PDB file of N, CA and C in Angstrom:
ATOM      1  N   MET A   1      10.567 -62.612  89.542  1.00  0.00           N
ATOM      2  CA  MET A   1      12.006 -62.482  89.586  1.00  0.00           C
ATOM      3  C   MET A   1      12.636 -63.823  89.210  1.00  0.00           C
ATOM      4  N   LEU A   2      13.615 -63.780  88.349  1.00  0.00           N
ATOM      5  CA  LEU A   2      14.239 -64.992  87.855  1.00  0.00           C
ATOM      6  C   LEU A   2      15.370 -65.507  88.733  1.00  0.00           C
ATOM      7  N   GLY A   3      16.003 -64.681  89.487  1.00  0.00           N
ATOM      8  CA  GLY A   3      17.165 -65.112  90.256  1.00  0.00           C
ATOM      9  C   GLY A   3      18.433 -64.907  89.456  1.00  0.00           C
ATOM     10  N   LYS A   4      19.453 -65.701  89.752  1.00  0.00           N
ATOM     11  CA  LYS A   4      20.746 -65.516  89.102  1.00  0.00           C
ATOM     12  C   LYS A   4      20.956 -66.391  87.888  1.00  0.00           C
ATOM     13  N   VAL A   5      20.111 -67.388  87.689  1.00  0.00           N
ATOM     14  CA  VAL A   5      20.255 -68.274  86.533  1.00  0.00           C
ATOM     15  C   VAL A   5      18.962 -68.310  85.738  1.00  0.00           C
ATOM     16  N   LEU A   6      19.097 -68.522  84.438  1.00  0.00           N
ATOM     17  CA  LEU A   6      17.909 -68.667  83.601  1.00  0.00           C
ATOM     18  C   LEU A   6      17.336 -70.071  83.791  1.00  0.00           C
ATOM     19  N   PRO A   7      16.020 -70.208  83.817  1.00  0.00           N
ATOM     20  CA  PRO A   7      15.436 -71.539  83.963  1.00  0.00           C
ATOM     21  C   PRO A   7      15.816 -72.429  82.782  1.00  0.00           C
ATOM     22  N   SER A   8      16.117 -73.679  83.074  1.00  0.00           N
ATOM     23  CA  SER A   8      16.538 -74.595  82.004  1.00  0.00           C
ATOM     24  C   SER A   8      15.417 -74.849  80.994  1.00  0.00           C
ATOM     25  N   ASN A   9      14.172 -74.618  81.377  1.00  0.00           N
ATOM     26  CA  ASN A   9      13.034 -74.863  80.484  1.00  0.00           C
ATOM     27  C   ASN A   9      12.445 -73.580  79.906  1.00  0.00           C
ATOM     28  N   ILE A  10      13.214 -72.529  79.816  1.00  0.00           N
ATOM     29  CA  ILE A  10      12.705 -71.239  79.339  1.00  0.00           C
ATOM     30  C   ILE A  10      12.053 -71.346  77.958  1.00  0.00           C
ATOM     31  N   GLY A  11      12.581 -72.176  77.094  1.00  0.00           N
ATOM     32  CA  GLY A  11      12.012 -72.351  75.763  1.00  0.00           C
ATOM     33  C   GLY A  11      10.677 -73.061  75.780  1.00  0.00           C
ATOM     34  N   GLU A  12      10.463 -73.896  76.760  1.00  0.00           N
ATOM     35  CA  GLU A  12       9.198 -74.617  76.883  1.00  0.00           C
ATOM     36  C   GLU A  12       8.131 -73.760  77.562  1.00  0.00           C
ATOM     37  N   VAL A  13       8.543 -72.918  78.498  1.00  0.00           N
ATOM     38  CA  VAL A  13       7.608 -72.073  79.240  1.00  0.00           C
ATOM     39  C   VAL A  13       7.103 -70.920  78.375  1.00  0.00           C
ATOM     40  N   PHE A  14       7.952 -70.389  77.512  1.00  0.00           N
ATOM     41  CA  PHE A  14       7.596 -69.250  76.664  1.00  0.00           C
ATOM     42  C   PHE A  14       7.777 -69.597  75.181  1.00  0.00           C
ATOM     43  N   PRO A  15       7.036 -70.546  74.635  1.00  0.00           N
ATOM     44  CA  PRO A  15       7.275 -71.015  73.264  1.00  0.00           C
ATOM     45  C   PRO A  15       7.017 -69.974  72.180  1.00  0.00           C
ATOM     46  N   ASN A  16       6.237 -68.952  72.457  1.00  0.00           N
ATOM     47  CA  ASN A  16       5.914 -67.942  71.448  1.00  0.00           C
ATOM     48  C   ASN A  16       6.675 -66.642  71.632  1.00  0.00           C
ATOM     49  N   LEU A  17       7.716 -66.673  72.440  1.00  0.00           N
ATOM     50  CA  LEU A  17       8.517 -65.481  72.699  1.00  0.00           C
ATOM     51  C   LEU A  17       9.142 -64.975  71.403  1.00  0.00           C
ATOM     52  N   ILE A  18       9.019 -63.682  71.135  1.00  0.00           N
ATOM     53  CA  ILE A  18       9.569 -63.135  69.887  1.00  0.00           C
ATOM     54  C   ILE A  18      10.763 -62.207  70.118  1.00  0.00           C
ATOM     55  N   GLU A  19      10.973 -61.764  71.345  1.00  0.00           N
ATOM     56  CA  GLU A  19      12.098 -60.884  71.648  1.00  0.00           C
ATOM     57  C   GLU A  19      12.552 -61.156  73.073  1.00  0.00           C
ATOM     58  N   LEU A  20      13.856 -61.209  73.275  1.00  0.00           N
ATOM     59  CA  LEU A  20      14.383 -61.481  74.600  1.00  0.00           C
ATOM     60  C   LEU A  20      15.580 -60.578  74.852  1.00  0.00           C
ATOM     61  N   ARG A  21      15.419 -59.673  75.793  1.00  0.00           N
ATOM     62  CA  ARG A  21      16.481 -58.724  76.149  1.00  0.00           C
ATOM     63  C   ARG A  21      16.852 -58.938  77.608  1.00  0.00           C
ATOM     64  N   LEU A  22      17.956 -59.574  77.820  1.00  0.00           N
ATOM     65  CA  LEU A  22      18.399 -59.896  79.177  1.00  0.00           C
ATOM     66  C   LEU A  22      19.779 -59.324  79.472  1.00  0.00           C
ATOM     67  N   GLN A  23      20.184 -58.297  78.754  1.00  0.00           N
ATOM     68  CA  GLN A  23      21.509 -57.735  78.956  1.00  0.00           C
ATOM     69  C   GLN A  23      21.602 -57.018  80.298  1.00  0.00           C
ATOM     70  N   ASN A  24      22.826 -56.986  80.840  1.00  0.00           N
ATOM     71  CA  ASN A  24      23.151 -56.263  82.076  1.00  0.00           C
ATOM     72  C   ASN A  24      22.385 -56.755  83.295  1.00  0.00           C
ATOM     73  N   ASN A  25      22.172 -58.054  83.412  1.00  0.00           N
ATOM     74  CA  ASN A  25      21.423 -58.591  84.545  1.00  0.00           C
ATOM     75  C   ASN A  25      22.251 -59.455  85.478  1.00  0.00           C
ATOM     76  N   LYS A  26      23.509 -59.668  85.171  1.00  0.00           N
ATOM     77  CA  LYS A  26      24.408 -60.467  86.006  1.00  0.00           C
ATOM     78  C   LYS A  26      23.937 -61.912  86.171  1.00  0.00           C
ATOM     79  N   PHE A  27      23.296 -62.468  85.137  1.00  0.00           N
ATOM     80  CA  PHE A  27      22.929 -63.878  85.168  1.00  0.00           C
ATOM     81  C   PHE A  27      24.201 -64.715  85.194  1.00  0.00           C
ATOM     82  N   GLU A  28      24.119 -65.863  85.838  1.00  0.00           N
ATOM     83  CA  GLU A  28      25.258 -66.772  85.949  1.00  0.00           C
ATOM     84  C   GLU A  28      24.868 -68.122  85.374  1.00  0.00           C
ATOM     85  N   GLY A  29      25.828 -69.016  85.331  1.00  0.00           N
ATOM     86  CA  GLY A  29      25.554 -70.366  84.845  1.00  0.00           C
ATOM     87  C   GLY A  29      25.632 -70.434  83.334  1.00  0.00           C
ATOM     88  N   SER A  30      24.984 -71.433  82.793  1.00  0.00           N
ATOM     89  CA  SER A  30      25.041 -71.628  81.340  1.00  0.00           C
ATOM     90  C   SER A  30      23.786 -71.104  80.660  1.00  0.00           C
ATOM     91  N   ILE A  31      23.897 -70.917  79.356  1.00  0.00           N
ATOM     92  CA  ILE A  31      22.740 -70.533  78.546  1.00  0.00           C
ATOM     93  C   ILE A  31      21.948 -71.811  78.295  1.00  0.00           C
ATOM     94  N   PRO A  32      20.679 -71.860  78.708  1.00  0.00           N
ATOM     95  CA  PRO A  32      19.898 -73.091  78.553  1.00  0.00           C
ATOM     96  C   PRO A  32      19.742 -73.496  77.086  1.00  0.00           C
ATOM     97  N   SER A  33      19.923 -74.768  76.798  1.00  0.00           N
ATOM     98  CA  SER A  33      19.776 -75.233  75.417  1.00  0.00           C
ATOM     99  C   SER A  33      18.339 -75.115  74.938  1.00  0.00           C
ATOM    100  N   SER A  34      17.368 -75.076  75.846  1.00  0.00           N
ATOM    101  CA  SER A  34      15.963 -74.950  75.436  1.00  0.00           C
ATOM    102  C   SER A  34      15.670 -73.600  74.791  1.00  0.00           C
ATOM    103  N   ILE A  35      16.573 -72.652  74.944  1.00  0.00           N
ATOM    104  CA  ILE A  35      16.374 -71.338  74.323  1.00  0.00           C
ATOM    105  C   ILE A  35      16.371 -71.465  72.793  1.00  0.00           C
ATOM    106  N   SER A  36      17.003 -72.503  72.286  1.00  0.00           N
ATOM    107  CA  SER A  36      17.049 -72.708  70.837  1.00  0.00           C
ATOM    108  C   SER A  36      15.714 -73.191  70.269  1.00  0.00           C
ATOM    109  N   THR A  37      14.770 -73.573  71.116  1.00  0.00           N
ATOM    110  CA  THR A  37      13.448 -73.988  70.633  1.00  0.00           C
ATOM    111  C   THR A  37      12.537 -72.793  70.379  1.00  0.00           C
ATOM    112  N   LEU A  38      13.011 -71.614  70.704  1.00  0.00           N
ATOM    113  CA  LEU A  38      12.218 -70.399  70.491  1.00  0.00           C
ATOM    114  C   LEU A  38      12.359 -69.961  69.029  1.00  0.00           C
ATOM    115  N   THR A  39      11.611 -70.586  68.158  1.00  0.00           N
ATOM    116  CA  THR A  39      11.760 -70.375  66.715  1.00  0.00           C
ATOM    117  C   THR A  39      11.264 -69.019  66.240  1.00  0.00           C
ATOM    118  N   LYS A  40      10.468 -68.329  67.038  1.00  0.00           N
ATOM    119  CA  LYS A  40       9.964 -67.005  66.656  1.00  0.00           C
ATOM    120  C   LYS A  40      10.850 -65.882  67.175  1.00  0.00           C
ATOM    121  N   LEU A  41      11.872 -66.245  67.928  1.00  0.00           N
ATOM    122  CA  LEU A  41      12.755 -65.268  68.545  1.00  0.00           C
ATOM    123  C   LEU A  41      13.627 -64.604  67.490  1.00  0.00           C
ATOM    124  N   THR A  42      13.555 -63.287  67.435  1.00  0.00           N
ATOM    125  CA  THR A  42      14.382 -62.556  66.478  1.00  0.00           C
ATOM    126  C   THR A  42      15.558 -61.907  67.182  1.00  0.00           C
ATOM    127  N   PRO A  43      15.378 -60.850  67.989  1.00  0.00           N
ATOM    128  CA  PRO A  43      16.534 -60.351  68.716  1.00  0.00           C
ATOM    129  C   PRO A  43      16.729 -61.116  70.015  1.00  0.00           C
ATOM    130  N   LEU A  44      17.973 -61.416  70.314  1.00  0.00           N
ATOM    131  CA  LEU A  44      18.341 -62.080  71.554  1.00  0.00           C
ATOM    132  C   LEU A  44      19.546 -61.339  72.122  1.00  0.00           C
ATOM    133  N   TYR A  45      19.359 -60.674  73.238  1.00  0.00           N
ATOM    134  CA  TYR A  45      20.423 -59.896  73.852  1.00  0.00           C
ATOM    135  C   TYR A  45      20.794 -60.521  75.193  1.00  0.00           C
ATOM    136  N   LEU A  46      21.988 -61.056  75.273  1.00  0.00           N
ATOM    137  CA  LEU A  46      22.466 -61.700  76.490  1.00  0.00           C
ATOM    138  C   LEU A  46      23.777 -61.089  76.977  1.00  0.00           C
ATOM    139  N   ASN A  47      24.195 -59.999  76.399  1.00  0.00           N
ATOM    140  CA  ASN A  47      25.492 -59.419  76.728  1.00  0.00           C
ATOM    141  C   ASN A  47      25.541 -58.872  78.158  1.00  0.00           C
ATOM    142  N   ASP A  48      26.755 -58.722  78.644  1.00  0.00           N
ATOM    143  CA  ASP A  48      27.049 -58.174  79.969  1.00  0.00           C
ATOM    144  C   ASP A  48      26.387 -58.969  81.097  1.00  0.00           C
ATOM    145  N   ASN A  49      26.502 -60.276  81.005  1.00  0.00           N
ATOM    146  CA  ASN A  49      26.098 -61.182  82.067  1.00  0.00           C
ATOM    147  C   ASN A  49      27.319 -62.003  82.449  1.00  0.00           C
ATOM    148  N   LYS A  50      27.146 -62.995  83.283  1.00  0.00           N
ATOM    149  CA  LYS A  50      28.265 -63.826  83.725  1.00  0.00           C
ATOM    150  C   LYS A  50      28.057 -65.275  83.311  1.00  0.00           C
ATOM    151  N   PHE A  51      27.533 -65.473  82.099  1.00  0.00           N
ATOM    152  CA  PHE A  51      27.325 -66.827  81.607  1.00  0.00           C
ATOM    153  C   PHE A  51      28.667 -67.530  81.441  1.00  0.00           C
ATOM    154  N   GLU A  52      28.654 -68.836  81.640  1.00  0.00           N
ATOM    155  CA  GLU A  52      29.870 -69.627  81.445  1.00  0.00           C
ATOM    156  C   GLU A  52      29.516 -70.889  80.700  1.00  0.00           C
ATOM    157  N   GLY A  53      30.509 -71.488  80.110  1.00  0.00           N
ATOM    158  CA  GLY A  53      30.279 -72.703  79.355  1.00  0.00           C
ATOM    159  C   GLY A  53      30.015 -72.389  77.888  1.00  0.00           C
ATOM    160  N   PRO A  54      29.779 -73.430  77.108  1.00  0.00           N
ATOM    161  CA  PRO A  54      29.599 -73.243  75.670  1.00  0.00           C
ATOM    162  C   PRO A  54      28.235 -72.647  75.324  1.00  0.00           C
ATOM    163  N   ILE A  55      28.192 -71.968  74.202  1.00  0.00           N
ATOM    164  CA  ILE A  55      26.921 -71.505  73.639  1.00  0.00           C
ATOM    165  C   ILE A  55      26.262 -72.734  73.015  1.00  0.00           C
ATOM    166  N   PRO A  56      24.969 -72.952  73.277  1.00  0.00           N
ATOM    167  CA  PRO A  56      24.313 -74.111  72.681  1.00  0.00           C
ATOM    168  C   PRO A  56      24.505 -74.164  71.180  1.00  0.00           C
ATOM    169  N   VAL A  57      24.924 -75.301  70.675  1.00  0.00           N
ATOM    170  CA  VAL A  57      25.218 -75.482  69.247  1.00  0.00           C
ATOM    171  C   VAL A  57      24.017 -75.114  68.398  1.00  0.00           C
ATOM    172  N   SER A  58      22.832 -75.398  68.872  1.00  0.00           N
ATOM    173  CA  SER A  58      21.614 -75.134  68.095  1.00  0.00           C
ATOM    174  C   SER A  58      21.317 -73.651  67.923  1.00  0.00           C
ATOM    175  N   LEU A  59      22.021 -72.787  68.651  1.00  0.00           N
ATOM    176  CA  LEU A  59      21.837 -71.360  68.443  1.00  0.00           C
ATOM    177  C   LEU A  59      22.647 -70.922  67.248  1.00  0.00           C
TER     178      LEU A  59
END
Protein backbone atom coordinates (compact mmCIF):
# COMPACT_ATOMS: atom_id res chain seq x y z
CA MET A 1 0.00 0.00 0.00
CA LEU A 2 1.38 3.37 -0.99
CA GLY A 3 -0.56 5.65 1.33
CA LYS A 4 -1.74 9.09 0.31
CA VAL A 5 1.41 10.34 -1.41
CA LEU A 6 3.61 8.89 -4.11
CA PRO A 7 7.15 8.09 -2.96
CA SER A 8 9.61 10.78 -4.02
CA ASN A 9 11.95 8.08 -5.40
CA ILE A 10 9.37 6.20 -7.48
CA GLY A 11 11.50 6.61 -10.62
CA GLU A 12 14.52 5.12 -8.91
CA VAL A 13 12.65 2.20 -7.32
CA PHE A 14 10.92 1.17 -10.57
CA PRO A 15 13.35 2.19 -13.36
CA ASN A 16 11.91 -0.23 -15.94
CA LEU A 17 8.26 0.66 -15.42
CA ILE A 18 6.45 0.81 -18.77
CA GLU A 19 2.89 1.68 -17.70
CA LEU A 20 1.54 3.55 -14.71
CA ARG A 21 -2.17 3.83 -13.98
CA LEU A 22 -2.88 5.65 -10.75
CA GLN A 23 -6.18 7.33 -11.57
CA ASN A 24 -8.97 7.62 -8.98
CA ASN A 25 -6.76 6.93 -5.96
CA LYS A 26 -7.04 10.23 -4.06
CA PHE A 27 -3.27 10.71 -3.93
CA GLU A 28 -2.21 14.02 -2.40
CA GLY A 29 0.89 16.16 -2.49
CA SER A 30 3.03 16.79 -5.51
CA ILE A 31 3.94 14.64 -8.49
CA PRO A 32 7.49 13.42 -7.77
CA SER A 33 10.08 14.76 -10.21
CA SER A 34 11.75 11.32 -10.24
CA ILE A 35 8.81 10.08 -12.30
CA SER A 36 10.44 11.79 -15.29
CA THR A 37 13.36 9.32 -15.11
CA LEU A 38 11.02 6.54 -16.22
CA THR A 39 12.13 6.63 -19.86
CA LYS A 40 10.24 3.45 -20.82
CA LEU A 41 6.95 4.78 -19.49
CA THR A 42 4.37 5.14 -22.23
CA PRO A 43 0.92 5.64 -20.69
CA LEU A 44 0.78 7.67 -17.49
CA TYR A 45 -2.63 8.11 -15.89
CA LEU A 46 -2.78 10.40 -12.87
CA ASN A 47 -6.25 11.88 -13.28
CA ASP A 48 -8.84 12.20 -10.51
CA ASN A 49 -6.36 12.56 -7.66
CA LYS A 50 -5.64 15.49 -5.36
CA PHE A 51 -2.17 16.41 -6.58
CA GLU A 52 -1.08 19.99 -5.98
CA GLY A 53 1.77 22.11 -7.16
CA PRO A 54 3.44 22.27 -10.56
CA ILE A 55 3.82 19.38 -12.97
CA PRO A 56 7.52 18.51 -13.17
CA VAL A 57 9.03 20.41 -16.10
CA SER A 58 10.82 17.27 -17.29
CA LEU A 59 7.49 15.59 -17.98
